[in-house]
Amino acid sequence: MTDTLQPGSTSPPSHAELLGRLKGHALYRAALQNLPENTDWAAVPFLTRERLTEAFEAGELAHPDAVRVHLTPHPGGGWLPEYATRADIDAHGQAAAAAFARAGVRPEDHVQIAFGFHRFAGGWIMQDGFESLGAKTLPFGPGESEAQLDAIQKLGVRVLVSAPSFAQKLGEAGARVELLISSGEPLTSIAGRRERVEAALGCVALDAYASSEAGMMALETPEKNGLRVLEDWVHLEVIDPETGQSMPDGERGELVVTHLSKQAMPLLRFRTGDLTRLERRADGVYLPGGVFGNVGGMLKVKGVKLFPREVVFWLAGHGLDHAQHTLRLWSQGGADRVGITVRGKMPESVDVLLADFQRRFAIRLDALAVTTDHEGAGVLDERE
């Protein structure tokens, strides 16, 4: 078993030590107790949200040294707790601080966070990192555009942390900052969105990837060549959502996350459900296109995996109403056919749009209808 991460390896550094430590954790005791000492990383079971729910109901998630509890919505309804010890908060803050420094945040900066600070992790994920860096951080919270604008102007806020849609709204109201750290909504995965937000705020906009379960995981640098993974905090891998097998670098698949040192509720090969690509480079591990969809509802079309959520991002990038579209599948002559009906204005060049769909999804789009009155969203699979 390898104890250091080698080029092309999918296992984290010192994973023998990691597995040995987690065998004593109530969340993993049953799953790991029979694994041999020299277990290959690919044989380690995945963690799912369903398993977390079972563990919560069985009282296996709480940690005696936890000093903070957040709640996270559960896709099936309800919520789950997220526990953190003081050591967890410090380790996460230090890893996030290093990422913020690479992004261009300075200790002397005023930073304004426009995410929630209530029962959900939200702004706390960012706050810990900025405080660890030493920046002057205002945990403003969401909404209240006029008050947000007033604080930005009077405090001389240099760095705004916000969802891109709200950031653009603030910019259109007159806010100006030098740096936006964007999370909570797609930024780089929707064509043209970064440019629109940057123009509104007069800033550089960088994409961040975080979740309530894992904390901060990746952040762009000013070079804008992908989101660099916080390798001191998490190990990321990409798998085929059908088979669970690791995907080669550059191939899209489901993102899987493992905490390297977390004490309370450590994640071990947790399936996020998020769609991404991963690249290992000389200076680190990157998500070159950010997160651009969800693996839920995956379809096999013409022998290719098609993810409906990724189609939503593609439509938004072309200025079409992604909230009002139908992805239709049917059979003709023994072959699959794919069509999209969407509300919006027909682009000047349909051929360019069709070519871009084929480039993005490796599937030929057989029909495209853009109307001003289409209603409804979803998948209509009429294949025999």
Protein backbone atom coordinates (compact mmCIF):
# COMPACT_ATOMS: atom_id res chain seq x y z
CA MET A 1 0.00 0.00 0.00
CA THR A 2 1.33 3.42 -0.96
CA ASP A 3 1.84 5.99 1.80
CA THR A 4 2.55 8.99 -0.44
CA LEU A 5 0.47 10.33 -3.31
CA GLN A 6 2.05 9.34 -6.61
CA PRO A 7 1.26 10.92 -10.00
CA GLY A 8 -2.02 9.45 -11.19
CA SER A 9 -2.78 7.87 -7.81
CA THR A 10 -6.35 7.99 -6.55
CA SER A 11 -5.51 7.30 -2.90
CA PRO A 12 -4.71 9.98 -0.31
CA PRO A 13 -1.33 10.31 1.40
CA SER A 14 -0.79 7.92 4.33
CA HIS A 15 -4.13 6.25 3.76
CA ALA A 16 -3.09 3.24 5.85
CA GLU A 17 -2.85 5.54 8.86
CA LEU A 18 -6.13 7.23 7.93
CA LEU A 19 -8.02 3.94 7.70
CA GLY A 20 -6.49 2.73 10.94
CA ARG A 21 -7.75 5.82 12.74
CA LEU A 22 -11.25 5.64 11.25
CA LYS A 23 -11.72 1.96 12.13
CA GLY A 24 -12.40 3.14 15.67
CA HIS A 25 -15.04 5.66 14.62
CA ALA A 26 -18.65 4.57 15.17
CA LEU A 27 -19.60 5.74 11.67
CA TYR A 28 -17.11 3.36 10.00
CA ARG A 29 -16.50 0.58 12.51
CA ALA A 30 -18.73 -1.99 10.82
CA ALA A 31 -17.64 -1.14 7.27
CA LEU A 32 -13.89 -1.17 7.95
CA GLN A 33 -13.39 -3.81 10.63
CA ASN A 34 -12.92 -6.69 8.18
CA LEU A 35 -10.72 -4.85 5.69
CA PRO A 36 -7.17 -6.27 5.61
CA GLU A 37 -4.27 -4.02 6.53
CA ASN A 38 -3.03 -3.79 2.94
CA THR A 39 -6.43 -2.89 1.48
CA ASP A 40 -6.30 -1.05 -1.82
CA TRP A 41 -7.98 2.35 -1.70
CA ALA A 42 -10.48 1.36 -4.40
CA ALA A 43 -11.83 -1.36 -2.09
CA VAL A 44 -12.75 1.11 0.66
CA PRO A 45 -16.56 1.45 0.79
CA PHE A 46 -18.23 4.72 -0.19
CA LEU A 47 -20.12 6.87 2.29
CA THR A 48 -23.57 8.10 1.23
CA ARG A 49 -26.11 10.52 2.65
CA GLU A 50 -28.36 7.55 3.34
CA ARG A 51 -25.66 6.04 5.56
CA LEU A 52 -25.25 9.37 7.37
CA THR A 53 -28.99 9.39 8.04
CA GLU A 54 -28.83 5.87 9.48
CA ALA A 55 -25.86 6.85 11.64
CA PHE A 56 -27.67 9.92 12.96
CA GLU A 57 -30.72 7.88 13.90
CA ALA A 58 -28.42 5.36 15.64
CA GLY A 59 -26.62 8.07 17.59
CA GLU A 60 -23.29 7.50 15.84
CA LEU A 61 -22.52 11.05 14.65
CA ALA A 62 -22.07 13.07 17.85
CA HIS A 63 -18.50 13.65 19.08
CA PRO A 64 -17.64 14.30 22.75
CA ASP A 65 -15.22 17.11 21.88
CA ALA A 66 -17.50 18.91 19.40
CA VAL A 67 -17.82 22.67 20.03
CA ARG A 68 -19.97 23.57 17.03
CA VAL A 69 -23.03 22.03 15.38
CA HIS A 70 -24.50 23.11 12.04
CA LEU A 71 -27.49 21.63 10.26
CA THR A 72 -27.52 20.59 6.63
CA PRO A 73 -30.69 19.99 4.58
CA HIS A 74 -31.20 16.40 3.55
CA PRO A 75 -32.24 15.82 -0.10
CA GLY A 76 -35.01 13.50 1.06
CA GLY A 77 -36.36 16.06 3.51
CA GLY A 78 -35.41 17.03 7.03
CA TRP A 79 -31.85 17.75 8.09
CA LEU A 80 -28.66 16.22 9.45
CA PRO A 81 -26.27 17.68 12.03
CA GLU A 82 -22.66 18.56 11.21
CA TYR A 83 -20.27 18.40 14.17
CA ALA A 84 -16.85 20.06 14.48
CA THR A 85 -14.23 20.07 17.22
CA ARG A 86 -11.98 23.04 17.96
CA ALA A 87 -9.17 21.23 16.16
CA ASP A 88 -11.46 20.73 13.12
CA ILE A 89 -12.32 24.43 12.99
CA ASP A 90 -8.66 25.42 13.27
CA ALA A 91 -7.46 22.93 10.63
CA HIS A 92 -10.19 23.94 8.20
CA GLY A 93 -9.53 27.63 8.83
CA GLN A 94 -5.81 27.26 8.16
CA ALA A 95 -6.37 25.35 4.91
CA ALA A 96 -8.97 27.89 3.74
CA ALA A 97 -6.69 30.79 4.74
CA ALA A 98 -3.92 29.43 2.53
CA ALA A 99 -6.37 29.18 -0.38
CA PHE A 100 -7.63 32.74 0.20
CA ALA A 101 -4.04 34.01 0.26
CA ARG A 102 -3.36 32.29 -3.09
CA ALA A 103 -6.49 34.00 -4.42
CA GLY A 104 -5.10 37.42 -3.49
CA VAL A 105 -6.74 38.16 -0.12
CA ARG A 106 -4.49 40.09 2.28
CA PRO A 107 -4.56 40.34 6.10
CA GLU A 108 -5.21 44.08 5.87
CA ASP A 109 -8.31 43.63 3.68
CA HIS A 110 -11.91 44.24 4.70
CA VAL A 111 -13.95 41.20 3.67
CA GLN A 112 -17.77 41.15 3.54
CA ILE A 113 -19.58 37.80 3.57
CA ALA A 114 -23.12 37.79 2.16
CA PHE A 115 -24.02 34.25 3.22
CA GLY A 116 -26.18 33.10 6.12
CA PHE A 117 -24.79 32.66 9.64
CA HIS A 118 -27.67 30.80 11.26
CA ARG A 119 -28.24 27.08 11.67
CA PHE A 120 -26.66 26.15 8.33
CA ALA A 121 -22.89 26.26 7.79
CA GLY A 122 -23.14 28.93 5.05
CA GLY A 123 -20.94 31.88 5.88
CA TRP A 124 -19.12 30.08 8.70
CA ILE A 125 -17.29 27.98 6.11
CA MET A 126 -15.72 31.17 4.75
CA GLN A 127 -15.47 33.09 8.03
CA ASP A 128 -13.07 30.61 9.64
CA GLY A 129 -10.59 30.94 6.79
CA PHE A 130 -10.60 34.73 6.66
CA GLU A 131 -10.19 34.99 10.43
CA SER A 132 -7.29 32.54 10.29
CA LEU A 133 -5.70 34.71 7.60
CA GLY A 134 -6.17 37.79 9.78
CA ALA A 135 -8.50 39.71 7.46
CA LYS A 136 -11.06 42.16 8.86
CA THR A 137 -14.18 40.11 8.21
CA LEU A 138 -17.77 41.33 8.33
CA PRO A 139 -20.26 38.43 8.68
CA PHE A 140 -23.04 40.48 7.07
CA GLY A 141 -25.40 37.68 6.09
CA PRO A 142 -27.74 37.45 3.07
CA GLY A 143 -30.02 40.05 1.49
CA GLU A 144 -30.46 43.72 2.48
CA SER A 145 -28.92 45.09 -0.71
CA GLU A 146 -28.94 48.75 0.35
CA ALA A 147 -27.29 48.01 3.69
CA GLN A 148 -24.74 45.74 1.99
CA LEU A 149 -23.88 48.52 -0.46
CA ASP A 150 -23.57 51.05 2.36
CA ALA A 151 -21.13 48.81 4.27
CA ILE A 152 -19.05 48.10 1.16
CA GLN A 153 -18.65 51.80 0.44
CA LYS A 154 -18.08 53.09 3.99
CA LEU A 155 -15.72 50.32 5.11
CA GLY A 156 -13.79 50.22 1.87
CA VAL A 157 -14.50 46.52 1.42
CA ARG A 158 -11.99 45.00 -0.99
CA VAL A 159 -13.26 41.40 -1.00
CA LEU A 160 -16.90 40.34 -1.34
CA VAL A 161 -18.01 36.75 -0.71
CA SER A 162 -21.37 36.06 -2.31
CA ALA A 163 -23.44 34.04 -4.73
CA PRO A 164 -22.85 35.45 -8.23
CA SER A 165 -26.45 36.52 -8.81
CA PHE A 166 -26.52 38.64 -5.64
CA ALA A 167 -23.05 40.00 -6.35
CA GLN A 168 -24.17 41.15 -9.80
CA LYS A 169 -27.21 42.82 -8.24
CA LEU A 170 -24.95 44.73 -5.83
CA GLY A 171 -22.69 45.78 -8.69
CA GLU A 172 -25.62 47.07 -10.72
CA ALA A 173 -26.62 49.11 -7.64
CA GLY A 174 -23.20 50.75 -7.55
CA ALA A 175 -21.00 48.44 -5.44
CA ARG A 176 -17.33 48.22 -6.43
CA VAL A 177 -14.86 45.70 -5.01
CA GLU A 178 -11.54 44.34 -6.24
CA LEU A 179 -12.19 40.65 -5.63
CA LEU A 180 -15.30 38.47 -5.54
CA ILE A 181 -15.13 34.96 -4.14
CA SER A 182 -18.20 33.27 -5.52
CA SER A 183 -19.96 30.19 -4.18
CA GLY A 184 -23.43 28.77 -3.71
CA GLU A 185 -24.33 29.01 -7.42
CA PRO A 186 -22.55 28.14 -10.67
CA LEU A 187 -20.04 30.72 -11.88
CA THR A 188 -17.43 29.25 -14.21
CA SER A 189 -19.69 26.42 -15.36
CA ILE A 190 -22.13 28.83 -17.06
CA ALA A 191 -20.59 30.46 -20.12
CA GLY A 192 -20.34 34.24 -19.86
CA ARG A 193 -21.53 34.51 -16.27
CA ARG A 194 -18.13 35.38 -14.78
CA GLU A 195 -17.68 38.15 -17.32
CA ARG A 196 -21.08 39.67 -16.53
CA VAL A 197 -20.43 39.65 -12.79
CA GLU A 198 -16.94 41.12 -13.20
CA ALA A 199 -18.28 43.90 -15.39
CA ALA A 200 -20.97 44.77 -12.84
CA LEU A 201 -18.60 44.95 -9.86
CA GLY A 202 -15.42 46.07 -11.64
CA CYS A 203 -13.63 43.13 -10.04
CA VAL A 204 -11.88 39.82 -10.50
CA ALA A 205 -14.36 37.00 -9.77
CA LEU A 206 -13.05 33.64 -8.58
CA ASP A 207 -15.01 30.42 -8.17
CA ALA A 208 -15.06 28.46 -4.89
CA TYR A 209 -16.40 24.99 -4.13
CA ALA A 210 -17.63 24.12 -0.65
CA SER A 211 -20.35 22.11 1.05
CA SER A 212 -21.82 21.92 4.53
CA GLU A 213 -20.62 18.32 4.90
CA ALA A 214 -17.02 18.88 3.79
CA GLY A 215 -16.34 22.60 4.24
CA MET A 216 -14.15 24.49 1.77
CA MET A 217 -12.69 22.14 -0.84
CA ALA A 218 -11.36 24.16 -3.77
CA LEU A 219 -10.82 27.76 -4.90
CA GLU A 220 -9.54 29.43 -8.04
CA THR A 221 -6.40 31.53 -8.15
CA PRO A 222 -6.06 34.79 -10.14
CA GLU A 223 -4.75 32.76 -13.10
CA LYS A 224 -8.32 31.42 -13.55
CA ASN A 225 -7.10 28.03 -14.73
CA GLY A 226 -9.26 25.87 -12.48
CA LEU A 227 -10.20 25.48 -8.84
CA ARG A 228 -7.20 24.38 -6.79
CA VAL A 229 -8.02 21.74 -4.18
CA LEU A 230 -7.25 22.36 -0.49
CA GLU A 231 -5.01 19.31 -0.28
CA ASP A 232 -4.16 19.84 3.39
CA TRP A 233 -7.85 19.43 4.23
CA VAL A 234 -9.44 17.02 1.73
CA HIS A 235 -8.59 14.36 -0.79
CA LEU A 236 -10.79 14.41 -3.90
CA GLU A 237 -11.35 11.76 -6.53
CA VAL A 238 -13.75 11.35 -9.46
CA ILE A 239 -15.64 8.12 -10.11
CA ASP A 240 -18.01 6.69 -12.66
CA PRO A 241 -21.40 7.15 -10.94
CA GLU A 242 -22.62 3.83 -12.36
CA THR A 243 -19.70 1.53 -11.60
CA GLY A 244 -17.91 3.35 -8.78
CA GLN A 245 -14.61 2.95 -10.64
CA SER A 246 -12.08 5.79 -10.62
CA MET A 247 -12.11 7.98 -13.73
CA PRO A 248 -8.89 9.02 -15.51
CA ASP A 249 -7.74 12.61 -15.11
CA GLY A 250 -9.80 14.98 -17.23
CA GLU A 251 -12.84 12.68 -17.51
CA ARG A 252 -16.11 13.83 -15.98
CA GLY A 253 -17.74 11.90 -13.19
CA GLU A 254 -19.00 12.10 -9.62
CA LEU A 255 -16.86 13.89 -7.05
CA VAL A 256 -15.88 11.89 -3.96
CA VAL A 257 -14.35 13.57 -0.90
CA THR A 258 -12.30 12.30 2.04
CA HIS A 259 -11.27 14.39 5.06
CA LEU A 260 -7.61 13.97 5.92
CA SER A 261 -7.66 14.98 9.58
CA LYS A 262 -11.19 15.84 10.71
CA GLN A 263 -12.11 14.46 14.13
CA ALA A 264 -15.90 14.91 14.31
CA MET A 265 -17.90 13.41 11.42
CA PRO A 266 -14.92 12.77 9.14
CA LEU A 267 -15.94 11.93 5.58
CA LEU A 268 -14.43 8.81 4.02
CA ARG A 269 -15.04 8.46 0.27
CA PHE A 270 -18.25 10.49 0.53
CA ARG A 271 -20.27 10.59 -2.68
CA THR A 272 -21.23 14.23 -3.19
CA GLY A 273 -23.43 13.68 -6.25
CA ASP A 274 -21.64 16.61 -7.93
CA LEU A 275 -20.37 16.38 -11.49
CA THR A 276 -16.83 17.54 -12.23
CA ARG A 277 -13.43 16.77 -13.75
CA LEU A 278 -10.15 16.47 -11.88
CA GLU A 279 -6.57 17.13 -13.01
CA ARG A 280 -3.31 16.49 -11.15
CA ARG A 281 -0.70 19.11 -12.05
CA ALA A 282 2.83 19.83 -10.89
CA ASP A 283 1.65 22.47 -8.39
CA GLY A 284 -1.46 20.70 -7.11
CA VAL A 285 -4.81 19.07 -7.85
CA TYR A 286 -7.42 21.08 -9.77
CA LEU A 287 -11.06 21.01 -10.81
CA PRO A 288 -10.53 22.63 -14.25
CA GLY A 289 -14.19 23.35 -15.00
CA GLY A 290 -15.48 23.70 -11.47
CA VAL A 291 -18.64 21.78 -10.62
CA PHE A 292 -20.98 21.74 -13.60
CA GLY A 293 -23.92 19.58 -12.68
CA ASN A 294 -25.29 16.76 -10.59
CA VAL A 295 -25.29 13.06 -11.37
CA GLY A 296 -28.93 12.65 -10.35
CA GLY A 297 -31.17 11.39 -13.15
CA MET A 298 -28.27 10.27 -15.33
CA LEU A 299 -29.37 9.03 -18.76
CA LYS A 300 -27.69 6.71 -21.23
CA VAL A 301 -28.19 8.25 -24.69
CA LYS A 302 -26.54 6.92 -27.84
CA GLY A 303 -24.13 5.05 -25.60
CA VAL A 304 -23.05 8.22 -23.80
CA LYS A 305 -23.85 9.34 -20.24
CA LEU A 306 -26.00 12.49 -20.28
CA PHE A 307 -26.64 14.43 -17.07
CA PRO A 308 -29.79 16.61 -17.21
CA ARG A 309 -28.40 19.09 -14.69
CA GLU A 310 -25.40 19.72 -16.94
CA VAL A 311 -27.81 20.51 -19.79
CA VAL A 312 -29.43 23.13 -17.53
CA PHE A 313 -26.06 24.89 -17.10
CA TRP A 314 -25.43 24.71 -20.86
CA LEU A 315 -28.79 26.36 -21.64
CA ALA A 316 -28.12 29.13 -19.11
CA GLY A 317 -24.74 29.78 -20.70
CA HIS A 318 -26.47 30.48 -24.02
CA GLY A 319 -28.97 32.91 -22.50
CA LEU A 320 -31.93 30.55 -22.74
CA ASP A 321 -34.53 30.09 -20.00
CA HIS A 322 -33.19 26.94 -18.37
CA ALA A 323 -36.11 26.96 -15.92
CA GLN A 324 -38.53 26.41 -18.82
CA HIS A 325 -37.16 23.61 -20.96
CA THR A 326 -37.93 20.00 -21.86
CA LEU A 327 -35.27 17.45 -22.72
CA ARG A 328 -37.02 14.86 -24.91
CA LEU A 329 -35.69 11.41 -25.80
CA TRP A 330 -37.29 9.09 -28.34
CA SER A 331 -36.46 6.15 -30.57
CA GLN A 332 -36.32 6.22 -34.34
CA GLY A 333 -35.03 3.49 -36.60
CA GLY A 334 -33.67 1.60 -33.62
CA ALA A 335 -31.55 4.54 -32.49
CA ASP A 336 -31.85 7.13 -29.73
CA ARG A 337 -32.87 10.66 -30.63
CA VAL A 338 -32.45 13.80 -28.50
CA GLY A 339 -34.37 17.07 -28.67
CA ILE A 340 -34.73 20.20 -26.57
CA THR A 341 -37.61 22.66 -26.40
CA VAL A 342 -36.80 25.79 -24.42
CA ARG A 343 -38.20 29.24 -23.80
CA GLY A 344 -36.11 32.10 -25.11
CA LYS A 345 -34.96 33.95 -28.20
CA MET A 346 -33.54 31.89 -31.04
CA PRO A 347 -29.81 32.63 -31.38
CA GLU A 348 -28.50 34.03 -34.65
CA SER A 349 -26.65 30.84 -35.54
CA VAL A 350 -28.42 27.58 -34.77
CA ASP A 351 -25.52 25.65 -36.28
CA VAL A 352 -23.12 27.14 -33.73
CA LEU A 353 -25.48 26.12 -30.93
CA LEU A 354 -25.83 22.57 -32.24
CA ALA A 355 -22.08 22.24 -32.69
CA ASP A 356 -21.46 23.46 -29.16
CA PHE A 357 -23.91 20.89 -27.75
CA GLN A 358 -22.09 18.10 -29.58
CA ARG A 359 -18.71 19.39 -28.38
CA ARG A 360 -19.89 19.62 -24.77
CA PHE A 361 -21.81 16.35 -24.51
CA ALA A 362 -20.40 14.18 -27.33
CA ILE A 363 -23.99 13.68 -28.51
CA ARG A 364 -25.68 15.03 -31.63
CA LEU A 365 -28.79 17.12 -30.86
CA ASP A 366 -31.48 15.98 -33.29
CA ALA A 367 -34.05 18.71 -32.64
CA LEU A 368 -33.99 22.18 -31.11
CA ALA A 369 -37.05 24.39 -30.67
CA VAL A 370 -36.79 27.84 -29.07
CA THR A 371 -40.16 29.45 -28.34
CA THR A 372 -41.46 32.43 -26.39
CA ASP A 373 -44.13 30.52 -24.49
CA HIS A 374 -42.75 27.09 -23.55
CA GLU A 375 -43.60 26.05 -20.01
CA GLY A 376 -42.36 23.23 -17.86
CA ALA A 377 -38.99 21.71 -17.11
CA GLY A 378 -37.75 18.18 -17.00
CA VAL A 379 -37.00 15.05 -18.97
CA LEU A 380 -39.48 13.33 -21.28
CA ASP A 381 -38.13 9.86 -22.08
CA GLU A 382 -40.32 8.27 -24.77
CA ARG A 383 -37.84 5.62 -25.87
CA GLU A 384 -39.18 2.13 -26.47
